[in-house]
Amino acid sequence: MSKILILADEAEPMLWEHLDRRRLEGVDLILSAGDLPASYLSFLTCFTNAPILYIRGNHDDRYATQPPEGCECIEDTIYDFNGIRILGLGGCMRYNMGVNQYTEREMRRRIRALRFKLWRKKGVDILLTHAPAYHLGDDTDRCHTGFSCFIDFMDKYHPKYLIHGHVHQSYKFDFKRTHEYKDTHIINAFKYYYLDYPD
């Protein structure tokens, strides 16, 4: 069993300002689904030996010049952690001219460009995104609408998990952290969540 700590959108005080080291005990891997201060992720590297992998959220333009130190960006690539194949696709639906924003067509193009890597790796186990999939934990405004191509991705590659952020708990009165879609468990990583990944 691998214990994975997933993070997104808001820094958890018990992992930063009021660090409780017990929160990091037994953690084998940390995944950031975006929109977190680079200094927060860099801080965590000082208190754990677990690799920290990240993608960019729509507010992470600053990562271009000040990326999280000691962490690894997995945008548009497949990272293998002890046999767990993780694909990163950051960004959200385009709502202005921000760097980490994409139209539906642009996101589909990113996925198509990965076809050879996906074929070579025989798919992935975890799809790590910032935005959710369409109508599976997204919201109704343009910025927080999910991508339909993530649905198509799940239909074709059947990842065990889709982990995303972007939609905060305070945004929706009926906020749900988890959803199920066919073979895929979907988790909103808002703040933090522990995932026990079976070997």
N, C-alpha and C. Protein backbone atom coordinates (compact mmCIF):
# COMPACT_ATOMS: atom_id res chain seq x y z
N MET A 1 0.84 -1.19 0.00
CA MET A 1 0.00 0.00 0.00
C MET A 1 0.88 1.25 0.00
N SER A 2 0.62 2.15 -0.93
CA SER A 2 1.34 3.43 -0.97
C SER A 2 0.41 4.52 -0.43
N LYS A 3 0.92 5.31 0.51
CA LYS A 3 0.13 6.41 1.07
C LYS A 3 0.48 7.68 0.31
N ILE A 4 -0.52 8.24 -0.38
CA ILE A 4 -0.31 9.42 -1.21
C ILE A 4 -1.07 10.60 -0.59
N LEU A 5 -0.35 11.68 -0.39
CA LEU A 5 -0.95 12.93 0.09
C LEU A 5 -1.21 13.81 -1.12
N ILE A 6 -2.46 14.18 -1.34
CA ILE A 6 -2.79 15.03 -2.48
C ILE A 6 -3.23 16.40 -1.97
N LEU A 7 -2.80 17.44 -2.69
CA LEU A 7 -2.99 18.82 -2.26
C LEU A 7 -3.51 19.66 -3.42
N ALA A 8 -4.25 20.74 -3.09
CA ALA A 8 -4.68 21.68 -4.13
C ALA A 8 -5.26 22.94 -3.51
N ASP A 9 -5.04 24.06 -4.17
CA ASP A 9 -5.81 25.30 -4.04
C ASP A 9 -5.58 26.14 -2.78
N GLU A 10 -5.55 25.55 -1.62
CA GLU A 10 -5.29 26.30 -0.39
C GLU A 10 -4.30 25.52 0.46
N ALA A 11 -3.30 26.23 0.97
CA ALA A 11 -2.32 25.59 1.85
C ALA A 11 -2.98 25.22 3.17
N GLU A 12 -2.73 24.02 3.62
CA GLU A 12 -3.27 23.55 4.89
C GLU A 12 -2.36 24.02 6.02
N PRO A 13 -2.88 24.82 6.98
CA PRO A 13 -2.04 25.35 8.06
C PRO A 13 -1.30 24.27 8.86
N MET A 14 -1.91 23.11 9.04
CA MET A 14 -1.25 22.06 9.81
C MET A 14 -0.11 21.39 9.04
N LEU A 15 0.03 21.75 7.78
CA LEU A 15 1.17 21.28 7.00
C LEU A 15 2.14 22.41 6.68
N TRP A 16 1.87 23.61 7.20
CA TRP A 16 2.71 24.75 6.86
C TRP A 16 2.93 25.65 8.06
N GLU A 17 2.01 26.57 8.33
CA GLU A 17 2.24 27.55 9.40
C GLU A 17 2.33 26.90 10.77
N HIS A 18 1.54 25.86 10.99
CA HIS A 18 1.54 25.16 12.28
C HIS A 18 1.85 23.69 12.03
N LEU A 19 2.99 23.46 11.42
CA LEU A 19 3.33 22.11 10.94
C LEU A 19 3.19 21.06 12.04
N ASP A 20 2.37 20.09 11.75
CA ASP A 20 2.23 18.90 12.58
C ASP A 20 2.87 17.76 11.79
N ARG A 21 4.07 17.36 12.17
CA ARG A 21 4.82 16.38 11.39
C ARG A 21 4.12 15.04 11.29
N ARG A 22 3.18 14.80 12.21
CA ARG A 22 2.45 13.54 12.15
C ARG A 22 1.62 13.46 10.86
N ARG A 23 1.28 14.62 10.28
CA ARG A 23 0.51 14.63 9.03
C ARG A 23 1.31 14.06 7.86
N LEU A 24 2.63 14.00 8.02
CA LEU A 24 3.49 13.50 6.94
C LEU A 24 4.02 12.09 7.20
N GLU A 25 3.68 11.53 8.35
CA GLU A 25 4.17 10.19 8.70
C GLU A 25 3.63 9.15 7.72
N GLY A 26 4.52 8.35 7.20
CA GLY A 26 4.12 7.26 6.32
C GLY A 26 3.76 7.67 4.91
N VAL A 27 3.88 8.96 4.59
CA VAL A 27 3.53 9.42 3.25
C VAL A 27 4.64 9.02 2.27
N ASP A 28 4.27 8.33 1.21
CA ASP A 28 5.23 7.86 0.22
C ASP A 28 5.37 8.80 -0.97
N LEU A 29 4.32 9.57 -1.25
CA LEU A 29 4.29 10.43 -2.43
C LEU A 29 3.34 11.59 -2.17
N ILE A 30 3.70 12.78 -2.67
CA ILE A 30 2.83 13.95 -2.57
C ILE A 30 2.53 14.44 -3.98
N LEU A 31 1.25 14.67 -4.26
CA LEU A 31 0.80 15.18 -5.55
C LEU A 31 0.11 16.52 -5.34
N SER A 32 0.53 17.53 -6.08
CA SER A 32 -0.12 18.84 -6.03
C SER A 32 -0.92 19.03 -7.32
N ALA A 33 -2.22 19.30 -7.16
CA ALA A 33 -3.10 19.53 -8.30
C ALA A 33 -3.24 21.01 -8.64
N GLY A 34 -2.31 21.83 -8.15
CA GLY A 34 -2.24 23.21 -8.62
C GLY A 34 -2.78 24.28 -7.68
N ASP A 35 -2.43 25.52 -8.01
CA ASP A 35 -2.84 26.73 -7.29
C ASP A 35 -2.38 26.75 -5.84
N LEU A 36 -1.14 26.33 -5.64
CA LEU A 36 -0.54 26.39 -4.31
C LEU A 36 0.74 27.21 -4.38
N PRO A 37 1.07 27.96 -3.31
CA PRO A 37 2.31 28.72 -3.32
C PRO A 37 3.52 27.82 -3.51
N ALA A 38 4.44 28.23 -4.35
CA ALA A 38 5.66 27.46 -4.55
C ALA A 38 6.41 27.28 -3.23
N SER A 39 6.36 28.29 -2.38
CA SER A 39 7.07 28.21 -1.10
C SER A 39 6.48 27.13 -0.19
N TYR A 40 5.19 26.88 -0.31
CA TYR A 40 4.52 25.82 0.47
C TYR A 40 5.05 24.45 0.07
N LEU A 41 5.08 24.18 -1.23
CA LEU A 41 5.58 22.90 -1.70
C LEU A 41 7.07 22.74 -1.39
N SER A 42 7.84 23.81 -1.56
CA SER A 42 9.27 23.75 -1.25
C SER A 42 9.50 23.49 0.23
N PHE A 43 8.66 24.09 1.07
CA PHE A 43 8.74 23.90 2.52
C PHE A 43 8.56 22.42 2.87
N LEU A 44 7.60 21.77 2.23
CA LEU A 44 7.33 20.37 2.55
C LEU A 44 8.51 19.46 2.22
N THR A 45 9.32 19.84 1.24
CA THR A 45 10.48 19.00 0.89
C THR A 45 11.47 18.89 2.04
N CYS A 46 11.43 19.84 2.96
CA CYS A 46 12.36 19.83 4.10
C CYS A 46 11.95 18.83 5.18
N PHE A 47 10.71 18.33 5.10
CA PHE A 47 10.20 17.49 6.19
C PHE A 47 9.73 16.12 5.73
N THR A 48 10.00 15.79 4.49
CA THR A 48 9.63 14.47 4.00
C THR A 48 10.62 14.04 2.92
N ASN A 49 10.82 12.75 2.82
CA ASN A 49 11.63 12.20 1.73
C ASN A 49 10.75 11.79 0.54
N ALA A 50 9.45 11.95 0.68
CA ALA A 50 8.54 11.58 -0.39
C ALA A 50 8.71 12.52 -1.58
N PRO A 51 8.75 12.00 -2.81
CA PRO A 51 8.78 12.89 -3.97
C PRO A 51 7.54 13.77 -3.99
N ILE A 52 7.71 15.02 -4.43
CA ILE A 52 6.58 15.93 -4.58
C ILE A 52 6.45 16.26 -6.06
N LEU A 53 5.35 15.84 -6.64
CA LEU A 53 5.06 16.06 -8.06
C LEU A 53 3.96 17.10 -8.17
N TYR A 54 4.07 17.96 -9.18
CA TYR A 54 3.05 19.01 -9.28
C TYR A 54 2.70 19.30 -10.73
N ILE A 55 1.52 19.89 -10.88
CA ILE A 55 1.09 20.48 -12.14
C ILE A 55 0.70 21.93 -11.84
N ARG A 56 0.43 22.70 -12.87
CA ARG A 56 0.11 24.11 -12.69
C ARG A 56 -1.40 24.35 -12.71
N GLY A 57 -1.86 25.17 -11.78
CA GLY A 57 -3.23 25.63 -11.80
C GLY A 57 -3.32 26.94 -12.56
N ASN A 58 -4.51 27.47 -12.67
CA ASN A 58 -4.69 28.70 -13.44
C ASN A 58 -4.06 29.92 -12.78
N HIS A 59 -3.72 29.83 -11.49
CA HIS A 59 -3.07 30.95 -10.80
C HIS A 59 -1.57 30.73 -10.60
N ASP A 60 -1.01 29.77 -11.31
CA ASP A 60 0.40 29.41 -11.10
C ASP A 60 1.33 29.98 -12.18
N ASP A 61 0.98 31.12 -12.75
CA ASP A 61 1.86 31.75 -13.75
C ASP A 61 3.25 32.01 -13.17
N ARG A 62 3.30 32.29 -11.88
CA ARG A 62 4.58 32.61 -11.24
C ARG A 62 5.54 31.42 -11.20
N TYR A 63 5.04 30.21 -11.40
CA TYR A 63 5.91 29.04 -11.42
C TYR A 63 6.93 29.13 -12.56
N ALA A 64 6.62 29.90 -13.59
CA ALA A 64 7.54 30.00 -14.74
C ALA A 64 8.89 30.57 -14.32
N THR A 65 8.88 31.49 -13.35
CA THR A 65 10.12 32.10 -12.88
C THR A 65 10.53 31.63 -11.49
N GLN A 66 9.54 31.18 -10.70
CA GLN A 66 9.83 30.71 -9.34
C GLN A 66 9.11 29.39 -9.09
N PRO A 67 9.61 28.30 -9.68
CA PRO A 67 8.96 27.00 -9.47
C PRO A 67 9.24 26.48 -8.06
N PRO A 68 8.44 25.55 -7.59
CA PRO A 68 8.70 24.94 -6.28
C PRO A 68 10.04 24.20 -6.29
N GLU A 69 10.93 24.58 -5.40
CA GLU A 69 12.26 23.97 -5.36
C GLU A 69 12.19 22.56 -4.77
N GLY A 70 12.93 21.66 -5.38
CA GLY A 70 12.97 20.29 -4.88
C GLY A 70 11.79 19.45 -5.29
N CYS A 71 10.92 20.00 -6.14
CA CYS A 71 9.72 19.29 -6.60
C CYS A 71 9.84 19.07 -8.11
N GLU A 72 9.01 18.19 -8.65
CA GLU A 72 9.09 17.88 -10.08
C GLU A 72 7.77 18.15 -10.77
N CYS A 73 7.84 18.92 -11.84
CA CYS A 73 6.66 19.21 -12.66
C CYS A 73 6.41 18.03 -13.60
N ILE A 74 5.17 17.56 -13.65
CA ILE A 74 4.85 16.41 -14.52
C ILE A 74 3.81 16.80 -15.58
N GLU A 75 3.81 18.07 -15.97
CA GLU A 75 2.91 18.50 -17.05
C GLU A 75 3.23 17.72 -18.33
N ASP A 76 2.19 17.17 -18.95
CA ASP A 76 2.30 16.52 -20.26
C ASP A 76 3.33 15.39 -20.29
N THR A 77 3.47 14.71 -19.17
CA THR A 77 4.37 13.56 -19.15
C THR A 77 3.81 12.50 -18.20
N ILE A 78 4.34 11.30 -18.30
CA ILE A 78 3.91 10.20 -17.43
C ILE A 78 5.06 9.87 -16.49
N TYR A 79 4.81 9.99 -15.22
CA TYR A 79 5.80 9.72 -14.18
C TYR A 79 5.49 8.36 -13.57
N ASP A 80 6.50 7.53 -13.44
CA ASP A 80 6.33 6.20 -12.86
C ASP A 80 6.85 6.20 -11.43
N PHE A 81 5.95 6.00 -10.48
CA PHE A 81 6.33 5.90 -9.07
C PHE A 81 6.02 4.49 -8.58
N ASN A 82 7.07 3.71 -8.45
CA ASN A 82 6.92 2.32 -7.97
C ASN A 82 5.83 1.57 -8.73
N GLY A 83 5.80 1.80 -10.04
CA GLY A 83 4.82 1.10 -10.87
C GLY A 83 3.50 1.82 -11.02
N ILE A 84 3.30 2.93 -10.31
CA ILE A 84 2.09 3.73 -10.46
C ILE A 84 2.35 4.78 -11.53
N ARG A 85 1.61 4.71 -12.61
CA ARG A 85 1.80 5.62 -13.75
C ARG A 85 0.91 6.85 -13.56
N ILE A 86 1.54 8.03 -13.52
CA ILE A 86 0.82 9.27 -13.23
C ILE A 86 1.02 10.25 -14.37
N LEU A 87 -0.06 10.71 -14.94
CA LEU A 87 -0.03 11.70 -16.02
C LEU A 87 -0.53 13.04 -15.51
N GLY A 88 0.21 14.11 -15.79
CA GLY A 88 -0.17 15.44 -15.35
C GLY A 88 -0.68 16.32 -16.49
N LEU A 89 -1.85 16.93 -16.29
CA LEU A 89 -2.43 17.88 -17.25
C LEU A 89 -3.00 19.06 -16.46
N GLY A 90 -2.19 20.09 -16.28
CA GLY A 90 -2.63 21.24 -15.50
C GLY A 90 -3.46 22.22 -16.31
N GLY A 91 -3.86 23.30 -15.64
CA GLY A 91 -4.62 24.35 -16.29
C GLY A 91 -6.12 24.16 -16.16
N CYS A 92 -6.85 25.18 -16.64
CA CYS A 92 -8.31 25.14 -16.57
C CYS A 92 -8.90 25.65 -17.87
N MET A 93 -10.22 25.68 -17.93
CA MET A 93 -10.91 26.20 -19.09
C MET A 93 -10.58 27.68 -19.29
N ARG A 94 -10.35 28.07 -20.53
CA ARG A 94 -9.98 29.45 -20.82
C ARG A 94 -11.13 30.40 -20.51
N TYR A 95 -10.81 31.42 -19.66
CA TYR A 95 -11.80 32.45 -19.35
C TYR A 95 -11.23 33.85 -19.52
N ASN A 96 -9.90 33.97 -19.67
CA ASN A 96 -9.25 35.22 -20.07
C ASN A 96 -7.94 34.83 -20.75
N MET A 97 -6.94 35.66 -20.71
CA MET A 97 -5.71 35.35 -21.45
C MET A 97 -4.61 34.80 -20.55
N GLY A 98 -4.97 34.18 -19.45
CA GLY A 98 -3.98 33.58 -18.56
C GLY A 98 -3.18 32.48 -19.25
N VAL A 99 -1.96 32.29 -18.78
CA VAL A 99 -1.04 31.32 -19.40
C VAL A 99 -1.55 29.89 -19.27
N ASN A 100 -2.05 29.53 -18.12
CA ASN A 100 -2.42 28.13 -17.85
C ASN A 100 -3.92 27.90 -18.05
N GLN A 101 -4.41 28.39 -19.18
CA GLN A 101 -5.81 28.22 -19.54
C GLN A 101 -5.90 27.66 -20.96
N TYR A 102 -6.92 26.84 -21.18
CA TYR A 102 -7.03 26.13 -22.45
C TYR A 102 -8.49 26.05 -22.89
N THR A 103 -8.71 26.12 -24.18
CA THR A 103 -10.03 25.79 -24.70
C THR A 103 -10.16 24.27 -24.68
N GLU A 104 -11.37 23.81 -24.88
CA GLU A 104 -11.59 22.37 -24.98
C GLU A 104 -10.73 21.77 -26.09
N ARG A 105 -10.66 22.45 -27.21
CA ARG A 105 -9.87 21.96 -28.35
C ARG A 105 -8.39 21.90 -28.00
N GLU A 106 -7.89 22.90 -27.29
CA GLU A 106 -6.47 22.92 -26.92
C GLU A 106 -6.14 21.79 -25.96
N MET A 107 -7.03 21.52 -25.02
CA MET A 107 -6.77 20.42 -24.08
C MET A 107 -6.82 19.07 -24.81
N ARG A 108 -7.74 18.93 -25.75
CA ARG A 108 -7.78 17.70 -26.54
C ARG A 108 -6.48 17.52 -27.32
N ARG A 109 -5.94 18.63 -27.84
CA ARG A 109 -4.69 18.56 -28.58
C ARG A 109 -3.55 18.10 -27.68
N ARG A 110 -3.53 18.57 -26.44
CA ARG A 110 -2.50 18.12 -25.50
C ARG A 110 -2.57 16.61 -25.29
N ILE A 111 -3.79 16.11 -25.14
CA ILE A 111 -3.96 14.67 -24.91
C ILE A 111 -3.55 13.88 -26.15
N ARG A 112 -3.92 14.36 -27.32
CA ARG A 112 -3.54 13.66 -28.56
C ARG A 112 -2.03 13.57 -28.70
N ALA A 113 -1.33 14.61 -28.28
CA ALA A 113 0.13 14.62 -28.37
C ALA A 113 0.78 13.58 -27.47
N LEU A 114 0.02 13.03 -26.54
CA LEU A 114 0.54 12.04 -25.60
C LEU A 114 0.23 10.61 -26.02
N ARG A 115 -0.36 10.43 -27.18
CA ARG A 115 -0.81 9.09 -27.58
C ARG A 115 0.32 8.06 -27.58
N PHE A 116 1.50 8.44 -28.07
CA PHE A 116 2.60 7.47 -28.11
C PHE A 116 3.05 7.12 -26.69
N LYS A 117 3.19 8.13 -25.83
CA LYS A 117 3.58 7.85 -24.44
C LYS A 117 2.55 6.96 -23.75
N LEU A 118 1.28 7.22 -24.00
CA LEU A 118 0.23 6.41 -23.39
C LEU A 118 0.24 4.98 -23.92
N TRP A 119 0.52 4.84 -25.21
CA TRP A 119 0.62 3.50 -25.79
C TRP A 119 1.82 2.75 -25.22
N ARG A 120 2.95 3.45 -25.12
CA ARG A 120 4.17 2.81 -24.62
C ARG A 120 4.03 2.39 -23.16
N LYS A 121 3.34 3.21 -22.37
CA LYS A 121 3.15 2.91 -20.94
C LYS A 121 1.93 2.04 -20.69
N LYS A 122 1.18 1.75 -21.76
CA LYS A 122 -0.06 0.97 -21.62
C LYS A 122 -1.06 1.67 -20.71
N GLY A 123 -1.20 2.98 -20.92
CA GLY A 123 -2.16 3.77 -20.15
C GLY A 123 -1.56 4.35 -18.89
N VAL A 124 -2.42 4.82 -18.00
CA VAL A 124 -1.98 5.40 -16.73
C VAL A 124 -2.90 4.93 -15.61
N ASP A 125 -2.40 5.06 -14.40
CA ASP A 125 -3.18 4.71 -13.21
C ASP A 125 -3.83 5.94 -12.58
N ILE A 126 -3.13 7.07 -12.64
CA ILE A 126 -3.65 8.32 -12.06
C ILE A 126 -3.55 9.42 -13.10
N LEU A 127 -4.65 10.08 -13.35
CA LEU A 127 -4.67 11.30 -14.16
C LEU A 127 -4.76 12.46 -13.18
N LEU A 128 -3.70 13.27 -13.11
CA LEU A 128 -3.63 14.41 -12.20
C LEU A 128 -3.91 15.67 -13.00
N THR A 129 -5.01 16.35 -12.69
CA THR A 129 -5.40 17.55 -13.41
C THR A 129 -5.69 18.67 -12.42
N HIS A 130 -5.74 19.89 -12.93
CA HIS A 130 -6.20 20.97 -12.07
C HIS A 130 -7.72 21.10 -12.19
N ALA A 131 -8.21 21.18 -13.41
CA ALA A 131 -9.65 21.29 -13.64
C ALA A 131 -10.31 19.92 -13.52
N PRO A 132 -11.57 19.89 -13.16
CA PRO A 132 -12.30 18.62 -13.13
C PRO A 132 -12.78 18.20 -14.51
N ALA A 133 -13.38 17.05 -14.57
CA ALA A 133 -14.06 16.61 -15.78
C ALA A 133 -15.44 17.25 -15.85
N TYR A 134 -15.95 17.37 -17.04
CA TYR A 134 -17.24 18.02 -17.26
C TYR A 134 -18.37 17.30 -16.51
N HIS A 135 -19.07 18.08 -15.67
CA HIS A 135 -20.22 17.60 -14.88
C HIS A 135 -19.86 16.54 -13.86
N LEU A 136 -18.59 16.45 -13.50
CA LEU A 136 -18.16 15.53 -12.44
C LEU A 136 -17.34 16.31 -11.42
N GLY A 137 -18.03 17.18 -10.70
CA GLY A 137 -17.39 17.99 -9.67
C GLY A 137 -17.01 19.37 -10.14
N ASP A 138 -17.46 19.76 -11.35
CA ASP A 138 -17.16 21.12 -11.81
C ASP A 138 -18.24 22.08 -11.35
N ASP A 139 -18.19 23.33 -11.82
CA ASP A 139 -19.18 24.33 -11.47
C ASP A 139 -19.76 24.92 -12.75
N THR A 140 -20.66 25.88 -12.62
CA THR A 140 -21.41 26.34 -13.78
C THR A 140 -20.79 27.54 -14.48
N ASP A 141 -19.88 28.27 -13.82
CA ASP A 141 -19.27 29.43 -14.47
C ASP A 141 -18.18 28.97 -15.43
N ARG A 142 -17.83 29.84 -16.37
CA ARG A 142 -16.88 29.48 -17.42
C ARG A 142 -15.55 29.00 -16.86
N CYS A 143 -15.03 29.72 -15.87
CA CYS A 143 -13.72 29.38 -15.31
C CYS A 143 -13.69 27.98 -14.74
N HIS A 144 -14.77 27.56 -14.08
CA HIS A 144 -14.76 26.30 -13.34
C HIS A 144 -15.50 25.18 -14.04
N THR A 145 -15.83 25.38 -15.32
CA THR A 145 -16.40 24.30 -16.11
C THR A 145 -15.33 23.26 -16.39
N GLY A 146 -15.68 21.99 -16.29
CA GLY A 146 -14.71 20.93 -16.53
C GLY A 146 -14.55 20.61 -18.01
N PHE A 147 -13.57 19.78 -18.31
CA PHE A 147 -13.26 19.41 -19.69
C PHE A 147 -13.95 18.11 -20.09
N SER A 148 -14.64 18.15 -21.22
CA SER A 148 -15.26 16.93 -21.75
C SER A 148 -14.22 15.91 -22.18
N CYS A 149 -13.05 16.38 -22.62
CA CYS A 149 -12.03 15.44 -23.08
C CYS A 149 -11.50 14.57 -21.95
N PHE A 150 -11.67 14.99 -20.69
CA PHE A 150 -11.28 14.13 -19.57
C PHE A 150 -12.23 12.93 -19.47
N ILE A 151 -13.51 13.14 -19.83
CA ILE A 151 -14.45 12.03 -19.90
C ILE A 151 -13.99 11.03 -20.96
N ASP A 152 -13.64 11.56 -22.12
CA ASP A 152 -13.17 10.69 -23.20
C ASP A 152 -11.90 9.95 -22.80
N PHE A 153 -11.03 10.63 -22.07
CA PHE A 153 -9.79 10.00 -21.60
C PHE A 153 -10.12 8.82 -20.69
N MET A 154 -11.05 9.02 -19.76
CA MET A 154 -11.42 7.93 -18.85
C MET A 154 -12.06 6.77 -19.61
N ASP A 155 -12.86 7.09 -20.62
CA ASP A 155 -13.49 6.05 -21.42
C ASP A 155 -12.45 5.21 -22.15
N LYS A 156 -11.39 5.85 -22.61
CA LYS A 156 -10.39 5.15 -23.42
C LYS A 156 -9.31 4.46 -22.59
N TYR A 157 -8.82 5.13 -21.53
CA TYR A 157 -7.65 4.62 -20.82
C TYR A 157 -7.97 4.05 -19.43
N HIS A 158 -9.16 4.28 -18.91
CA HIS A 158 -9.61 3.69 -17.65
C HIS A 158 -8.62 3.88 -16.48
N PRO A 159 -8.19 5.12 -16.21
CA PRO A 159 -7.32 5.30 -15.04
C PRO A 159 -8.08 4.94 -13.76
N LYS A 160 -7.35 4.45 -12.77
CA LYS A 160 -8.00 4.12 -11.50
C LYS A 160 -8.50 5.38 -10.79
N TYR A 161 -7.73 6.48 -10.95
CA TYR A 161 -8.09 7.73 -10.27
C TYR A 161 -7.94 8.91 -11.22
N LEU A 162 -8.84 9.86 -11.09
CA LEU A 162 -8.64 11.21 -11.61
C LEU A 162 -8.63 12.12 -10.39
N ILE A 163 -7.51 12.80 -10.20
CA ILE A 163 -7.35 13.71 -9.06
C ILE A 163 -7.28 15.12 -9.60
N HIS A 164 -8.12 16.01 -9.06
CA HIS A 164 -8.16 17.39 -9.54
C HIS A 164 -8.31 18.35 -8.36
N GLY A 165 -8.25 19.63 -8.67
CA GLY A 165 -8.52 20.68 -7.69
C GLY A 165 -9.48 21.68 -8.30
N HIS A 166 -9.16 22.96 -8.15
CA HIS A 166 -9.83 24.07 -8.84
C HIS A 166 -11.18 24.47 -8.24
N VAL A 167 -12.03 23.53 -7.90
CA VAL A 167 -13.33 23.84 -7.32
C VAL A 167 -13.21 23.73 -5.80
N HIS A 168 -13.28 24.88 -5.13
CA HIS A 168 -13.09 24.92 -3.68
C HIS A 168 -14.36 24.47 -2.96
N GLN A 169 -14.17 24.00 -1.75
CA GLN A 169 -15.31 23.55 -0.96
C GLN A 169 -16.30 24.69 -0.71
N SER A 170 -15.79 25.90 -0.59
CA SER A 170 -16.66 27.05 -0.30
C SER A 170 -17.47 27.51 -1.52
N TYR A 171 -17.16 27.00 -2.69
CA TYR A 171 -17.84 27.44 -3.91
C TYR A 171 -19.24 26.85 -4.06
N LYS A 172 -19.45 25.66 -3.47
CA LYS A 172 -20.69 24.95 -3.73
C LYS A 172 -21.32 24.48 -2.42
N PHE A 173 -22.62 24.72 -2.27
CA PHE A 173 -23.29 24.26 -1.05
C PHE A 173 -23.40 22.74 -1.03
N ASP A 174 -23.38 22.12 -2.21
CA ASP A 174 -23.48 20.66 -2.30
C ASP A 174 -22.15 20.04 -2.71
N PHE A 175 -21.05 20.64 -2.23
CA PHE A 175 -19.71 20.16 -2.57
C PHE A 175 -19.57 18.68 -2.25
N LYS A 176 -19.05 17.92 -3.23
CA LYS A 176 -18.73 16.51 -3.05
C LYS A 176 -17.26 16.32 -3.37
N ARG A 177 -16.55 15.71 -2.46
CA ARG A 177 -15.11 15.49 -2.69
C ARG A 177 -14.86 14.36 -3.67
N THR A 178 -15.71 13.37 -3.69
CA THR A 178 -15.47 12.21 -4.55
C THR A 178 -16.65 11.95 -5.48
N HIS A 179 -16.33 11.41 -6.64
CA HIS A 179 -17.31 10.97 -7.61
C HIS A 179 -16.83 9.64 -8.19
N GLU A 180 -17.71 8.92 -8.82
CA GLU A 180 -17.36 7.70 -9.51
C GLU A 180 -17.77 7.84 -10.97
N TYR A 181 -16.89 7.43 -11.87
CA TYR A 181 -17.23 7.39 -13.29
C TYR A 181 -16.69 6.10 -13.87
N LYS A 182 -17.59 5.15 -14.13
CA LYS A 182 -17.20 3.84 -14.66
C LYS A 182 -16.09 3.24 -13.79
N ASP A 183 -14.87 3.04 -14.35
CA ASP A 183 -13.79 2.40 -13.59
C ASP A 183 -12.94 3.38 -12.79
N THR A 184 -13.29 4.67 -12.82
CA THR A 184 -12.41 5.69 -12.26
C THR A 184 -13.00 6.33 -11.01
N HIS A 185 -12.18 6.40 -9.97
CA HIS A 185 -12.54 7.14 -8.77
C HIS A 185 -12.03 8.57 -8.95
N ILE A 186 -12.89 9.56 -8.76
CA ILE A 186 -12.54 10.96 -8.94
C ILE A 186 -12.47 11.62 -7.57
N ILE A 187 -11.36 12.33 -7.32
CA ILE A 187 -11.15 12.96 -6.01
C ILE A 187 -10.80 14.43 -6.21
N ASN A 188 -11.52 15.30 -5.52
CA ASN A 188 -11.16 16.72 -5.45
C ASN A 188 -10.16 16.87 -4.31
N ALA A 189 -8.96 17.33 -4.64
CA ALA A 189 -7.86 17.39 -3.67
C ALA A 189 -7.87 18.67 -2.84
N PHE A 190 -8.93 19.45 -2.86
CA PHE A 190 -8.97 20.73 -2.16
C PHE A 190 -8.35 20.64 -0.77
N LYS A 191 -7.40 21.54 -0.50
CA LYS A 191 -6.59 21.57 0.73
C LYS A 191 -5.72 20.31 0.82
N TYR A 192 -6.29 19.20 1.32
CA TYR A 192 -5.49 17.97 1.38
C TYR A 192 -6.40 16.76 1.50
N TYR A 193 -5.86 15.63 1.08
CA TYR A 193 -6.60 14.37 1.14
C TYR A 193 -5.56 13.25 1.11
N TYR A 194 -5.79 12.21 1.91
CA TYR A 194 -4.90 11.05 1.92
C TYR A 194 -5.51 9.92 1.09
N LEU A 195 -4.73 9.41 0.18
CA LEU A 195 -5.17 8.31 -0.67
C LEU A 195 -4.27 7.10 -0.39
N ASP A 196 -4.88 6.01 0.03
CA ASP A 196 -4.15 4.75 0.19
C ASP A 196 -4.28 3.98 -1.12
N TYR A 197 -3.18 3.94 -1.83
CA TYR A 197 -3.17 3.32 -3.16
C TYR A 197 -2.73 1.87 -3.01
N PRO A 198 -3.59 0.92 -3.37
CA PRO A 198 -3.22 -0.50 -3.19
C PRO A 198 -2.11 -0.93 -4.12
N ASP A 199 -1.21 -1.76 -3.64
CA ASP A 199 -0.13 -2.27 -4.47
C ASP A 199 -0.68 -3.20 -5.53
